Amino acid sequence: MLSARLPLLLDGPLSDLSPDARVVIYRPRAGEDLTRFGTNNLQIVQGFKPDFDAFKAEGFDVRTEAEGDFDLAIVAVPRSKAQARALIADAASRAARVLVDGQKTDGIDSLLKDIRRGAGAAQVISKAHGKSVLFSGGDFSDWADPGALQLIDGFTTRLGVFSYDRIDKGSEALAAALPDRLPAKIADLGAGWGYLSRAILSRDGVQELHVVEAEAAALASARDNLTDPRVTFHWEDATRFTPPGKLDAVIMNPPFHTSRAADPALGQAFIEAAAGMLGPQGQLWLVANRQLPYEATLAACFGSHAEIGTTQGFKLLHAAKPLRRARASV
């Protein structure tokens, strides 16, 4: 999130910024007040579909990758240090001045040290448990986004994608627990780079698989990893996704945080959405961290549910027969 430090910079070191200056902001979150920059000369770079749609609805120029040159680039530091470095490298290659803003928990102190090594002088404002770093020039070419990565045998991933350098243990456990035969029409919600989807496609009976993922980089990786003609890809918020018809099954490893703090409501929203996508005899398979309280939501949305296994801090859950009120809600 962009912080209260930003106005201090705009009224101080950046007070000479022209009203007509071209500005690009990397990875701001929906709800940020960016009206100070107007809409004519501001470009927003955001690959997360809910945030992309929110800024688009406000009339901003929103893209998944930056295009052009700018007077100022602002990087809202993401959780991944490798992704943060790639965004800073792209910003430095396009803009006369670069502003990097992040909390201590985002690793801003470490980034500041690295920025000073690459650019030399930097102006810093510290406030509210974080820092804003303003610099010009510098060589950050060794931080550039490498694009598609082959870090996991048989799969392509990208920076900024969840579990980009390893197979997620929860997904691995769920893939192993799936039955040998699955229903015909299935969705993988929050599919990431496609590990679970490939496991689904390996089962008998699958005729149609909807791969639903909100992060553009993850979906791009899934497209690389899944070349099966039974697959349809959807860049969409899973909680808002509407399939072309009722599904026979949903399989998912739903996210459980939008920041560093766990947010059970997100996984609960996935369960509610899944129930609405399913036909009367539809089934749901999911994996979750053991401490997440999903059972009450499953009971409210399905006629039956059960824990079908546990492993390494995860629980594997199955539910069937979505209740009519849940099916009608989506």
C-alpha atoms as a PDB file:
ATOM      1  CA  MET A   1       0.000   0.000   0.000  1.00  0.00           C
ATOM      2  CA  LEU A   2       1.192   3.526  -0.707  1.00  0.00           C
ATOM      3  CA  SER A   3       1.713   5.291   2.581  1.00  0.00           C
ATOM      4  CA  ALA A   4       1.347   8.580   4.404  1.00  0.00           C
ATOM      5  CA  ARG A   5       4.973   9.230   3.433  1.00  0.00           C
ATOM      6  CA  LEU A   6       4.007   9.950  -0.172  1.00  0.00           C
ATOM      7  CA  PRO A   7       2.478  13.419   0.452  1.00  0.00           C
ATOM      8  CA  LEU A   8       5.636  14.441   2.338  1.00  0.00           C
ATOM      9  CA  LEU A   9       7.705  13.704  -0.740  1.00  0.00           C
ATOM     10  CA  LEU A  10       5.270  15.314  -3.150  1.00  0.00           C
ATOM     11  CA  ASP A  11       5.240  18.467  -1.038  1.00  0.00           C
ATOM     12  CA  GLY A  12       9.015  18.325  -0.493  1.00  0.00           C
ATOM     13  CA  PRO A  13      11.629  16.813  -2.830  1.00  0.00           C
ATOM     14  CA  LEU A  14       9.038  16.230  -5.557  1.00  0.00           C
ATOM     15  CA  SER A  15       7.300  19.609  -5.259  1.00  0.00           C
ATOM     16  CA  ASP A  16       8.838  20.605  -8.599  1.00  0.00           C
ATOM     17  CA  LEU A  17       6.935  17.841 -10.386  1.00  0.00           C
ATOM     18  CA  SER A  18       4.978  19.418 -13.239  1.00  0.00           C
ATOM     19  CA  PRO A  19       1.179  18.958 -13.327  1.00  0.00           C
ATOM     20  CA  ASP A  20       1.755  17.529 -16.802  1.00  0.00           C
ATOM     21  CA  ALA A  21       4.426  15.075 -15.655  1.00  0.00           C
ATOM     22  CA  ARG A  22       4.025  11.498 -16.791  1.00  0.00           C
ATOM     23  CA  VAL A  23       3.824   9.178 -13.793  1.00  0.00           C
ATOM     24  CA  VAL A  24       3.702   5.395 -13.508  1.00  0.00           C
ATOM     25  CA  ILE A  25       2.760   3.566 -10.300  1.00  0.00           C
ATOM     26  CA  TYR A  26       3.652  -0.105  -9.933  1.00  0.00           C
ATOM     27  CA  ARG A  27       1.339  -2.390  -7.950  1.00  0.00           C
ATOM     28  CA  PRO A  28      -0.856   0.023  -5.986  1.00  0.00           C
ATOM     29  CA  ARG A  29      -3.817  -1.626  -4.296  1.00  0.00           C
ATOM     30  CA  ALA A  30      -7.490  -0.872  -4.882  1.00  0.00           C
ATOM     31  CA  GLY A  31      -8.722   1.851  -2.579  1.00  0.00           C
ATOM     32  CA  GLU A  32      -5.588   3.978  -2.900  1.00  0.00           C
ATOM     33  CA  ASP A  33      -6.399   7.642  -3.540  1.00  0.00           C
ATOM     34  CA  LEU A  34      -4.438   8.464  -6.680  1.00  0.00           C
ATOM     35  CA  THR A  35      -6.544  11.460  -7.730  1.00  0.00           C
ATOM     36  CA  ARG A  36      -3.622  13.798  -7.013  1.00  0.00           C
ATOM     37  CA  PHE A  37      -2.014  12.549 -10.224  1.00  0.00           C
ATOM     38  CA  GLY A  38      -5.162  12.904 -12.329  1.00  0.00           C
ATOM     39  CA  THR A  39      -6.011  10.370 -15.015  1.00  0.00           C
ATOM     40  CA  ASN A  40      -4.503  11.909 -18.155  1.00  0.00           C
ATOM     41  CA  ASN A  41      -0.804  11.352 -17.430  1.00  0.00           C
ATOM     42  CA  LEU A  42      -0.889   8.473 -14.958  1.00  0.00           C
ATOM     43  CA  GLN A  43      -0.281   4.844 -15.855  1.00  0.00           C
ATOM     44  CA  ILE A  44      -0.951   2.093 -13.316  1.00  0.00           C
ATOM     45  CA  VAL A  45       0.808  -1.272 -13.527  1.00  0.00           C
ATOM     46  CA  GLN A  46      -1.204  -3.976 -11.815  1.00  0.00           C
ATOM     47  CA  GLY A  47      -1.538  -7.674 -12.646  1.00  0.00           C
ATOM     48  CA  PHE A  48      -3.992  -8.584  -9.876  1.00  0.00           C
ATOM     49  CA  LYS A  49      -7.407  -8.626 -11.541  1.00  0.00           C
ATOM     50  CA  PRO A  50      -9.582  -7.225  -8.710  1.00  0.00           C
ATOM     51  CA  ASP A  51      -7.259  -4.211  -8.327  1.00  0.00           C
ATOM     52  CA  PHE A  52      -6.885  -3.871 -12.101  1.00  0.00           C
ATOM     53  CA  ASP A  53     -10.670  -3.727 -12.501  1.00  0.00           C
ATOM     54  CA  ALA A  54     -11.103  -1.268  -9.630  1.00  0.00           C
ATOM     55  CA  PHE A  55      -8.649   1.256 -11.094  1.00  0.00           C
ATOM     56  CA  LYS A  56     -10.057   0.736 -14.588  1.00  0.00           C
ATOM     57  CA  ALA A  57     -13.524   1.558 -13.279  1.00  0.00           C
ATOM     58  CA  GLU A  58     -12.139   4.847 -11.910  1.00  0.00           C
ATOM     59  CA  GLY A  59     -10.974   5.820 -15.395  1.00  0.00           C
ATOM     60  CA  PHE A  60      -7.243   5.178 -14.993  1.00  0.00           C
ATOM     61  CA  ASP A  61      -4.927   3.786 -17.657  1.00  0.00           C
ATOM     62  CA  VAL A  62      -4.176   0.362 -16.177  1.00  0.00           C
ATOM     63  CA  ARG A  63      -1.825  -2.199 -17.697  1.00  0.00           C
ATOM     64  CA  THR A  64      -0.211  -5.434 -16.613  1.00  0.00           C
ATOM     65  CA  GLU A  65       3.194  -4.146 -17.768  1.00  0.00           C
ATOM     66  CA  ALA A  66       4.531  -0.587 -18.048  1.00  0.00           C
ATOM     67  CA  GLU A  67       4.741   1.004 -21.470  1.00  0.00           C
ATOM     68  CA  GLY A  68       6.657   4.182 -22.334  1.00  0.00           C
ATOM     69  CA  ASP A  69       8.902   6.613 -20.492  1.00  0.00           C
ATOM     70  CA  PHE A  70       8.031   8.695 -17.437  1.00  0.00           C
ATOM     71  CA  ASP A  71       9.088  11.643 -15.325  1.00  0.00           C
ATOM     72  CA  LEU A  72       8.398   9.728 -12.111  1.00  0.00           C
ATOM     73  CA  ALA A  73       7.940   6.062 -11.292  1.00  0.00           C
ATOM     74  CA  ILE A  74       6.516   4.944  -7.955  1.00  0.00           C
ATOM     75  CA  VAL A  75       6.982   1.361  -6.774  1.00  0.00           C
ATOM     76  CA  ALA A  76       4.726   0.077  -3.996  1.00  0.00           C
ATOM     77  CA  VAL A  77       6.939  -2.698  -2.628  1.00  0.00           C
ATOM     78  CA  PRO A  78       5.281  -6.138  -2.950  1.00  0.00           C
ATOM     79  CA  ARG A  79       5.847  -9.067  -0.600  1.00  0.00           C
ATOM     80  CA  SER A  80       8.372 -10.789  -2.866  1.00  0.00           C
ATOM     81  CA  LYS A  81      11.861  -9.249  -2.751  1.00  0.00           C
ATOM     82  CA  ALA A  82      12.734 -10.675  -6.174  1.00  0.00           C
ATOM     83  CA  GLN A  83       9.601  -9.109  -7.656  1.00  0.00           C
ATOM     84  CA  ALA A  84      10.332  -5.804  -5.897  1.00  0.00           C
ATOM     85  CA  ARG A  85      13.790  -5.708  -7.442  1.00  0.00           C
ATOM     86  CA  ALA A  86      12.389  -6.448 -10.896  1.00  0.00           C
ATOM     87  CA  LEU A  87       9.857  -3.622 -10.568  1.00  0.00           C
ATOM     88  CA  ILE A  88      12.559  -1.205  -9.407  1.00  0.00           C
ATOM     89  CA  ALA A  89      14.756  -2.194 -12.359  1.00  0.00           C
ATOM     90  CA  ASP A  90      11.913  -1.577 -14.795  1.00  0.00           C
ATOM     91  CA  ALA A  91      11.072   1.745 -13.123  1.00  0.00           C
ATOM     92  CA  ALA A  92      14.697   2.919 -13.239  1.00  0.00           C
ATOM     93  CA  SER A  93      14.922   2.069 -16.943  1.00  0.00           C
ATOM     94  CA  ARG A  94      11.848   4.188 -17.750  1.00  0.00           C
ATOM     95  CA  ALA A  95      11.748   7.151 -15.378  1.00  0.00           C
ATOM     96  CA  ALA A  96      13.920  10.170 -14.577  1.00  0.00           C
ATOM     97  CA  ARG A  97      13.182   9.704 -10.873  1.00  0.00           C
ATOM     98  CA  VAL A  98      12.081   6.639  -8.948  1.00  0.00           C
ATOM     99  CA  LEU A  99      10.256   6.503  -5.630  1.00  0.00           C
ATOM    100  CA  VAL A 100      10.200   3.200  -3.748  1.00  0.00           C
ATOM    101  CA  ASP A 101       7.792   2.954  -0.823  1.00  0.00           C
ATOM    102  CA  GLY A 102       7.432   0.106   1.644  1.00  0.00           C
ATOM    103  CA  GLN A 103       7.116  -1.013   5.244  1.00  0.00           C
ATOM    104  CA  LYS A 104       9.861  -2.591   7.316  1.00  0.00           C
ATOM    105  CA  THR A 105       7.939  -5.848   7.062  1.00  0.00           C
ATOM    106  CA  ASP A 106       8.212  -5.556   3.270  1.00  0.00           C
ATOM    107  CA  GLY A 107      12.000  -5.489   3.499  1.00  0.00           C
ATOM    108  CA  ILE A 108      12.393  -1.800   2.643  1.00  0.00           C
ATOM    109  CA  ASP A 109      15.570  -1.466   4.756  1.00  0.00           C
ATOM    110  CA  SER A 110      17.336  -4.169   2.760  1.00  0.00           C
ATOM    111  CA  LEU A 111      16.132  -2.649  -0.518  1.00  0.00           C
ATOM    112  CA  LEU A 112      17.400   0.766   0.551  1.00  0.00           C
ATOM    113  CA  LYS A 113      20.907  -0.618   1.056  1.00  0.00           C
ATOM    114  CA  ASP A 114      20.795  -2.253  -2.360  1.00  0.00           C
ATOM    115  CA  ILE A 115      19.413   0.887  -4.037  1.00  0.00           C
ATOM    116  CA  ARG A 116      22.251   2.972  -2.597  1.00  0.00           C
ATOM    117  CA  ARG A 117      24.746   0.511  -4.026  1.00  0.00           C
ATOM    118  CA  GLY A 118      23.113   0.794  -7.463  1.00  0.00           C
ATOM    119  CA  ALA A 119      22.252   4.497  -7.579  1.00  0.00           C
ATOM    120  CA  GLY A 120      24.450   6.139  -4.993  1.00  0.00           C
ATOM    121  CA  ALA A 121      22.631   9.018  -3.323  1.00  0.00           C
ATOM    122  CA  ALA A 122      19.021   8.597  -2.275  1.00  0.00           C
ATOM    123  CA  GLN A 123      16.600  10.759  -0.311  1.00  0.00           C
ATOM    124  CA  VAL A 124      14.777   8.908   2.437  1.00  0.00           C
ATOM    125  CA  ILE A 125      11.698   9.699   4.494  1.00  0.00           C
ATOM    126  CA  SER A 126      10.992   7.419   7.454  1.00  0.00           C
ATOM    127  CA  LYS A 127       7.552   7.354   8.998  1.00  0.00           C
ATOM    128  CA  ALA A 128       4.898   4.913  10.177  1.00  0.00           C
ATOM    129  CA  HIS A 129       7.212   1.873  10.363  1.00  0.00           C
ATOM    130  CA  GLY A 130       8.446   2.254   6.817  1.00  0.00           C
ATOM    131  CA  LYS A 131      10.440   4.293   4.353  1.00  0.00           C
ATOM    132  CA  SER A 132      10.076   6.122   1.060  1.00  0.00           C
ATOM    133  CA  VAL A 133      13.237   6.180  -1.031  1.00  0.00           C
ATOM    134  CA  LEU A 134      13.720   8.662  -3.887  1.00  0.00           C
ATOM    135  CA  PHE A 135      16.602   8.290  -6.328  1.00  0.00           C
ATOM    136  CA  SER A 136      17.673   8.996  -9.910  1.00  0.00           C
ATOM    137  CA  GLY A 137      19.767   6.973 -12.319  1.00  0.00           C
ATOM    138  CA  GLY A 138      21.789   3.945 -11.382  1.00  0.00           C
ATOM    139  CA  ASP A 139      22.344   0.559 -12.952  1.00  0.00           C
ATOM    140  CA  PHE A 140      19.830  -2.076 -11.893  1.00  0.00           C
ATOM    141  CA  SER A 141      20.052  -4.259 -14.986  1.00  0.00           C
ATOM    142  CA  ASP A 142      20.974  -7.301 -12.889  1.00  0.00           C
ATOM    143  CA  TRP A 143      17.579  -6.975 -11.180  1.00  0.00           C
ATOM    144  CA  ALA A 144      15.614  -7.113 -14.433  1.00  0.00           C
ATOM    145  CA  ASP A 145      12.695  -9.518 -14.637  1.00  0.00           C
ATOM    146  CA  PRO A 146      13.981 -12.721 -16.276  1.00  0.00           C
ATOM    147  CA  GLY A 147      10.523 -13.638 -17.561  1.00  0.00           C
ATOM    148  CA  ALA A 148       9.560 -17.307 -17.652  1.00  0.00           C
ATOM    149  CA  LEU A 149      11.528 -19.408 -15.159  1.00  0.00           C
ATOM    150  CA  GLN A 150      12.221 -23.127 -15.220  1.00  0.00           C
ATOM    151  CA  LEU A 151      12.993 -23.584 -11.523  1.00  0.00           C
ATOM    152  CA  ILE A 152      10.681 -26.552 -11.000  1.00  0.00           C
ATOM    153  CA  ASP A 153      11.096 -29.685 -13.074  1.00  0.00           C
ATOM    154  CA  GLY A 154       8.453 -29.710 -15.788  1.00  0.00           C
ATOM    155  CA  PHE A 155       6.833 -26.377 -14.895  1.00  0.00           C
ATOM    156  CA  THR A 156       7.266 -22.726 -15.846  1.00  0.00           C
ATOM    157  CA  THR A 157       6.803 -19.982 -13.239  1.00  0.00           C
ATOM    158  CA  ARG A 158       7.439 -16.228 -12.970  1.00  0.00           C
ATOM    159  CA  LEU A 159       8.515 -13.716 -10.338  1.00  0.00           C
ATOM    160  CA  GLY A 160       5.667 -12.536  -8.123  1.00  0.00           C
ATOM    161  CA  VAL A 161       3.767 -15.799  -8.472  1.00  0.00           C
ATOM    162  CA  PHE A 162       2.917 -17.662  -5.267  1.00  0.00           C
ATOM    163  CA  SER A 163       5.392 -20.503  -4.637  1.00  0.00           C
ATOM    164  CA  TYR A 164       7.310 -19.610  -7.806  1.00  0.00           C
ATOM    165  CA  ASP A 165      10.368 -21.691  -6.875  1.00  0.00           C
ATOM    166  CA  ARG A 166       8.785 -24.794  -5.354  1.00  0.00           C
ATOM    167  CA  ILE A 167       5.668 -26.951  -5.373  1.00  0.00           C
ATOM    168  CA  ASP A 168       3.314 -25.832  -2.609  1.00  0.00           C
ATOM    169  CA  LYS A 169       2.962 -28.587  -0.014  1.00  0.00           C
ATOM    170  CA  GLY A 170      -0.789 -28.099   0.294  1.00  0.00           C
ATOM    171  CA  SER A 171      -1.349 -28.421  -3.446  1.00  0.00           C
ATOM    172  CA  GLU A 172       0.924 -31.456  -3.534  1.00  0.00           C
ATOM    173  CA  ALA A 173      -1.118 -33.130  -0.784  1.00  0.00           C
ATOM    174  CA  LEU A 174      -4.434 -32.381  -2.474  1.00  0.00           C
ATOM    175  CA  ALA A 175      -3.207 -33.622  -5.853  1.00  0.00           C
ATOM    176  CA  ALA A 176      -2.199 -36.933  -4.275  1.00  0.00           C
ATOM    177  CA  ALA A 177      -5.586 -37.282  -2.545  1.00  0.00           C
ATOM    178  CA  LEU A 178      -7.781 -36.753  -5.603  1.00  0.00           C
ATOM    179  CA  PRO A 179      -9.641 -39.857  -6.789  1.00  0.00           C
ATOM    180  CA  ASP A 180      -8.503 -41.674  -9.922  1.00  0.00           C
ATOM    181  CA  ARG A 181     -11.694 -40.629 -11.698  1.00  0.00           C
ATOM    182  CA  LEU A 182     -13.179 -37.144 -11.539  1.00  0.00           C
ATOM    183  CA  PRO A 183     -16.396 -35.585 -12.850  1.00  0.00           C
ATOM    184  CA  ALA A 184     -16.553 -34.161 -16.366  1.00  0.00           C
ATOM    185  CA  LYS A 185     -16.762 -30.384 -15.839  1.00  0.00           C
ATOM    186  CA  ILE A 186     -14.368 -28.881 -13.304  1.00  0.00           C
ATOM    187  CA  ALA A 187     -12.915 -25.544 -12.223  1.00  0.00           C
ATOM    188  CA  ASP A 188      -9.591 -24.977 -10.481  1.00  0.00           C
ATOM    189  CA  LEU A 189     -10.096 -21.743  -8.536  1.00  0.00           C
ATOM    190  CA  GLY A 190      -7.005 -19.701  -7.737  1.00  0.00           C
ATOM    191  CA  ALA A 191      -5.076 -22.073  -9.974  1.00  0.00           C
ATOM    192  CA  GLY A 192      -1.701 -20.337  -9.712  1.00  0.00           C
ATOM    193  CA  TRP A 193       0.823 -21.648 -12.219  1.00  0.00           C
ATOM    194  CA  GLY A 194      -1.155 -24.819 -12.839  1.00  0.00           C
ATOM    195  CA  TYR A 195       0.219 -27.575 -10.622  1.00  0.00           C
ATOM    196  CA  LEU A 196      -3.198 -28.771  -9.403  1.00  0.00           C
ATOM    197  CA  SER A 197      -4.694 -28.318 -12.856  1.00  0.00           C
ATOM    198  CA  ARG A 198      -2.168 -30.698 -14.371  1.00  0.00           C
ATOM    199  CA  ALA A 199      -3.034 -33.258 -11.692  1.00  0.00           C
ATOM    200  CA  ILE A 200      -6.742 -32.839 -12.455  1.00  0.00           C
ATOM    201  CA  LEU A 201      -6.168 -33.385 -16.165  1.00  0.00           C
ATOM    202  CA  SER A 202      -4.303 -36.625 -15.425  1.00  0.00           C
ATOM    203  CA  ARG A 203      -7.470 -38.194 -13.954  1.00  0.00           C
ATOM    204  CA  ASP A 204     -10.010 -40.165 -15.955  1.00  0.00           C
ATOM    205  CA  GLY A 205     -13.367 -38.596 -16.743  1.00  0.00           C
ATOM    206  CA  VAL A 206     -12.327 -34.946 -17.083  1.00  0.00           C
ATOM    207  CA  GLN A 207     -13.761 -33.343 -20.195  1.00  0.00           C
ATOM    208  CA  GLU A 208     -13.583 -29.633 -19.380  1.00  0.00           C
ATOM    209  CA  LEU A 209     -11.336 -27.681 -17.001  1.00  0.00           C
ATOM    210  CA  HIS A 210     -11.690 -23.978 -16.213  1.00  0.00           C
ATOM    211  CA  VAL A 211      -8.421 -22.535 -14.905  1.00  0.00           C
ATOM    212  CA  VAL A 212      -9.292 -19.412 -12.910  1.00  0.00           C
ATOM    213  CA  GLU A 213      -6.512 -17.156 -11.636  1.00  0.00           C
ATOM    214  CA  ALA A 214      -6.479 -13.481 -10.618  1.00  0.00           C
ATOM    215  CA  GLU A 215      -2.731 -12.828 -10.982  1.00  0.00           C
ATOM    216  CA  ALA A 216      -1.733 -12.232 -14.613  1.00  0.00           C
ATOM    217  CA  ALA A 217       1.807 -13.583 -14.202  1.00  0.00           C
ATOM    218  CA  ALA A 218       0.510 -16.796 -12.656  1.00  0.00           C
ATOM    219  CA  LEU A 219      -2.015 -17.268 -15.455  1.00  0.00           C
ATOM    220  CA  ALA A 220       0.703 -16.693 -18.057  1.00  0.00           C
ATOM    221  CA  SER A 221       2.692 -19.484 -16.407  1.00  0.00           C
ATOM    222  CA  ALA A 222      -0.377 -21.740 -16.336  1.00  0.00           C
ATOM    223  CA  ARG A 223      -0.789 -21.194 -20.077  1.00  0.00           C
ATOM    224  CA  ASP A 224       2.795 -22.375 -20.544  1.00  0.00           C
ATOM    225  CA  ASN A 225       2.244 -25.410 -18.340  1.00  0.00           C
ATOM    226  CA  LEU A 226      -1.166 -26.538 -19.597  1.00  0.00           C
ATOM    227  CA  THR A 227      -1.455 -27.166 -23.333  1.00  0.00           C
ATOM    228  CA  ASP A 228      -4.376 -29.590 -23.079  1.00  0.00           C
ATOM    229  CA  PRO A 229      -7.306 -28.616 -25.349  1.00  0.00           C
ATOM    230  CA  ARG A 230      -9.766 -29.348 -22.537  1.00  0.00           C
ATOM    231  CA  VAL A 231      -8.544 -26.256 -20.679  1.00  0.00           C
ATOM    232  CA  THR A 232     -10.106 -22.778 -20.771  1.00  0.00           C
ATOM    233  CA  PHE A 233      -8.183 -19.983 -19.060  1.00  0.00           C
ATOM    234  CA  HIS A 234      -9.836 -17.155 -17.139  1.00  0.00           C
ATOM    235  CA  TRP A 235      -8.027 -14.072 -15.785  1.00  0.00           C
ATOM    236  CA  GLU A 236     -10.567 -13.422 -13.068  1.00  0.00           C
ATOM    237  CA  ASP A 237     -11.222 -13.053  -9.372  1.00  0.00           C
ATOM    238  CA  ALA A 238     -12.359 -16.556  -8.414  1.00  0.00           C
ATOM    239  CA  THR A 239     -15.024 -15.186  -6.083  1.00  0.00           C
ATOM    240  CA  ARG A 240     -16.628 -13.370  -9.039  1.00  0.00           C
ATOM    241  CA  PHE A 241     -16.132 -15.996 -11.723  1.00  0.00           C
ATOM    242  CA  THR A 242     -19.226 -17.280 -13.518  1.00  0.00           C
ATOM    243  CA  PRO A 243     -18.690 -20.481 -15.528  1.00  0.00           C
ATOM    244  CA  PRO A 244     -20.566 -20.983 -18.803  1.00  0.00           C
ATOM    245  CA  GLY A 245     -22.768 -23.564 -17.091  1.00  0.00           C
ATOM    246  CA  LYS A 246     -23.090 -25.369 -13.779  1.00  0.00           C
ATOM    247  CA  LEU A 247     -20.012 -27.414 -12.917  1.00  0.00           C
ATOM    248  CA  ASP A 248     -19.674 -30.942 -11.614  1.00  0.00           C
ATOM    249  CA  ALA A 249     -16.724 -30.184  -9.347  1.00  0.00           C
ATOM    250  CA  VAL A 250     -14.476 -27.448  -8.013  1.00  0.00           C
ATOM    251  CA  ILE A 251     -10.951 -28.225  -6.832  1.00  0.00           C
ATOM    252  CA  MET A 252      -8.886 -25.548  -5.090  1.00  0.00           C
ATOM    253  CA  ASN A 253      -6.121 -24.470  -2.783  1.00  0.00           C
ATOM    254  CA  PRO A 254      -7.571 -21.068  -1.913  1.00  0.00           C
ATOM    255  CA  PRO A 255      -5.352 -18.193  -0.770  1.00  0.00           C
ATOM    256  CA  PHE A 256      -5.729 -17.193   2.857  1.00  0.00           C
ATOM    257  CA  HIS A 257      -4.102 -13.774   2.971  1.00  0.00           C
ATOM    258  CA  THR A 258      -4.080 -10.540   0.995  1.00  0.00           C
ATOM    259  CA  SER A 259      -1.264  -9.128   3.139  1.00  0.00           C
ATOM    260  CA  ARG A 260       1.058 -10.758   5.643  1.00  0.00           C
ATOM    261  CA  ALA A 261      -1.816 -11.405   8.067  1.00  0.00           C
ATOM    262  CA  ALA A 262      -4.028 -14.459   7.608  1.00  0.00           C
ATOM    263  CA  ASP A 263      -7.539 -13.641   6.413  1.00  0.00           C
ATOM    264  CA  PRO A 264      -9.900 -16.639   6.724  1.00  0.00           C
ATOM    265  CA  ALA A 265     -12.679 -14.628   5.049  1.00  0.00           C
ATOM    266  CA  LEU A 266     -10.889 -14.962   1.721  1.00  0.00           C
ATOM    267  CA  GLY A 267     -10.978 -18.756   1.732  1.00  0.00           C
ATOM    268  CA  GLN A 268     -14.554 -18.670   3.011  1.00  0.00           C
ATOM    269  CA  ALA A 269     -15.489 -16.496   0.029  1.00  0.00           C
ATOM    270  CA  PHE A 270     -13.900 -19.074  -2.282  1.00  0.00           C
ATOM    271  CA  ILE A 271     -16.037 -21.814  -0.716  1.00  0.00           C
ATOM    272  CA  GLU A 272     -19.213 -19.765  -1.104  1.00  0.00           C
ATOM    273  CA  ALA A 273     -18.354 -18.977  -4.713  1.00  0.00           C
ATOM    274  CA  ALA A 274     -17.597 -22.633  -5.453  1.00  0.00           C
ATOM    275  CA  ALA A 275     -20.973 -23.722  -4.100  1.00  0.00           C
ATOM    276  CA  GLY A 276     -22.683 -21.242  -6.398  1.00  0.00           C
ATOM    277  CA  MET A 277     -20.901 -22.625  -9.460  1.00  0.00           C
ATOM    278  CA  LEU A 278     -21.875 -26.246  -8.851  1.00  0.00           C
ATOM    279  CA  GLY A 279     -24.880 -28.230  -9.971  1.00  0.00           C
ATOM    280  CA  PRO A 280     -27.107 -30.042  -7.431  1.00  0.00           C
ATOM    281  CA  GLN A 281     -24.791 -33.080  -7.258  1.00  0.00           C
ATOM    282  CA  GLY A 282     -21.613 -31.024  -7.419  1.00  0.00           C
ATOM    283  CA  GLN A 283     -18.520 -31.769  -5.339  1.00  0.00           C
ATOM    284  CA  LEU A 284     -15.739 -29.667  -3.829  1.00  0.00           C
ATOM    285  CA  TRP A 285     -12.210 -30.742  -2.941  1.00  0.00           C
ATOM    286  CA  LEU A 286      -9.918 -28.277  -1.172  1.00  0.00           C
ATOM    287  CA  VAL A 287      -6.833 -28.045   0.974  1.00  0.00           C
ATOM    288  CA  ALA A 288      -6.356 -25.573   3.824  1.00  0.00           C
ATOM    289  CA  ASN A 289      -3.997 -24.833   6.694  1.00  0.00           C
ATOM    290  CA  ARG A 290      -5.224 -26.743   9.730  1.00  0.00           C
ATOM    291  CA  GLN A 291      -6.025 -23.615  11.779  1.00  0.00           C
ATOM    292  CA  LEU A 292      -8.331 -22.031   9.195  1.00  0.00           C
ATOM    293  CA  PRO A 293     -12.022 -22.193  10.252  1.00  0.00           C
ATOM    294  CA  TYR A 294     -13.716 -23.333   7.060  1.00  0.00           C
ATOM    295  CA  GLU A 295     -16.017 -26.035   8.455  1.00  0.00           C
ATOM    296  CA  ALA A 296     -18.876 -23.676   9.370  1.00  0.00           C
ATOM    297  CA  THR A 297     -18.871 -22.204   5.865  1.00  0.00           C
ATOM    298  CA  LEU A 298     -18.869 -25.684   4.336  1.00  0.00           C
ATOM    299  CA  ALA A 299     -21.825 -26.646   6.532  1.00  0.00           C
ATOM    300  CA  ALA A 300     -23.724 -23.533   5.470  1.00  0.00           C
ATOM    301  CA  CYS A 301     -23.104 -24.155   1.762  1.00  0.00           C
ATOM    302  CA  PHE A 302     -23.176 -27.955   1.321  1.00  0.00           C
ATOM    303  CA  GLY A 303     -25.369 -30.866   2.314  1.00  0.00           C
ATOM    304  CA  SER A 304     -22.355 -32.848   3.475  1.00  0.00           C
ATOM    305  CA  HIS A 305     -18.688 -32.243   4.173  1.00  0.00           C
ATOM    306  CA  ALA A 306     -15.821 -34.187   5.723  1.00  0.00           C
ATOM    307  CA  GLU A 307     -12.120 -34.073   6.382  1.00  0.00           C
ATOM    308  CA  ILE A 308     -10.542 -36.700   4.145  1.00  0.00           C
ATOM    309  CA  GLY A 309      -6.933 -36.411   5.256  1.00  0.00           C
ATOM    310  CA  THR A 310      -4.215 -34.435   7.004  1.00  0.00           C
ATOM    311  CA  THR A 311      -0.568 -33.842   6.211  1.00  0.00           C
ATOM    312  CA  GLN A 312       2.218 -31.438   7.207  1.00  0.00           C
ATOM    313  CA  GLY A 313      -0.072 -28.887   8.819  1.00  0.00           C
ATOM    314  CA  PHE A 314      -2.783 -29.099   6.150  1.00  0.00           C
ATOM    315  CA  LYS A 315      -6.260 -30.566   6.143  1.00  0.00           C
ATOM    316  CA  LEU A 316      -7.909 -32.015   3.051  1.00  0.00           C
ATOM    317  CA  LEU A 317     -11.650 -31.386   2.800  1.00  0.00           C
ATOM    318  CA  HIS A 318     -14.431 -32.712   0.606  1.00  0.00           C
ATOM    319  CA  ALA A 319     -17.968 -31.379   0.332  1.00  0.00           C
ATOM    320  CA  ALA A 320     -20.934 -32.422  -1.796  1.00  0.00           C
ATOM    321  CA  LYS A 321     -24.464 -31.410  -2.754  1.00  0.00           C
ATOM    322  CA  PRO A 322     -24.412 -27.609  -2.552  1.00  0.00           C
ATOM    323  CA  LEU A 323     -27.483 -26.246  -0.829  1.00  0.00           C
ATOM    324  CA  ARG A 324     -30.013 -24.514  -3.021  1.00  0.00           C
ATOM    325  CA  ARG A 325     -29.527 -21.106  -1.420  1.00  0.00           C
ATOM    326  CA  ALA A 326     -25.786 -21.340  -2.048  1.00  0.00           C
ATOM    327  CA  ARG A 327     -26.268 -22.409  -5.674  1.00  0.00           C
ATOM    328  CA  ALA A 328     -28.676 -19.547  -6.249  1.00  0.00           C
ATOM    329  CA  SER A 329     -26.364 -16.935  -4.738  1.00  0.00           C
ATOM    330  CA  VAL A 330     -24.008 -16.910  -7.729  1.00  0.00           C
END
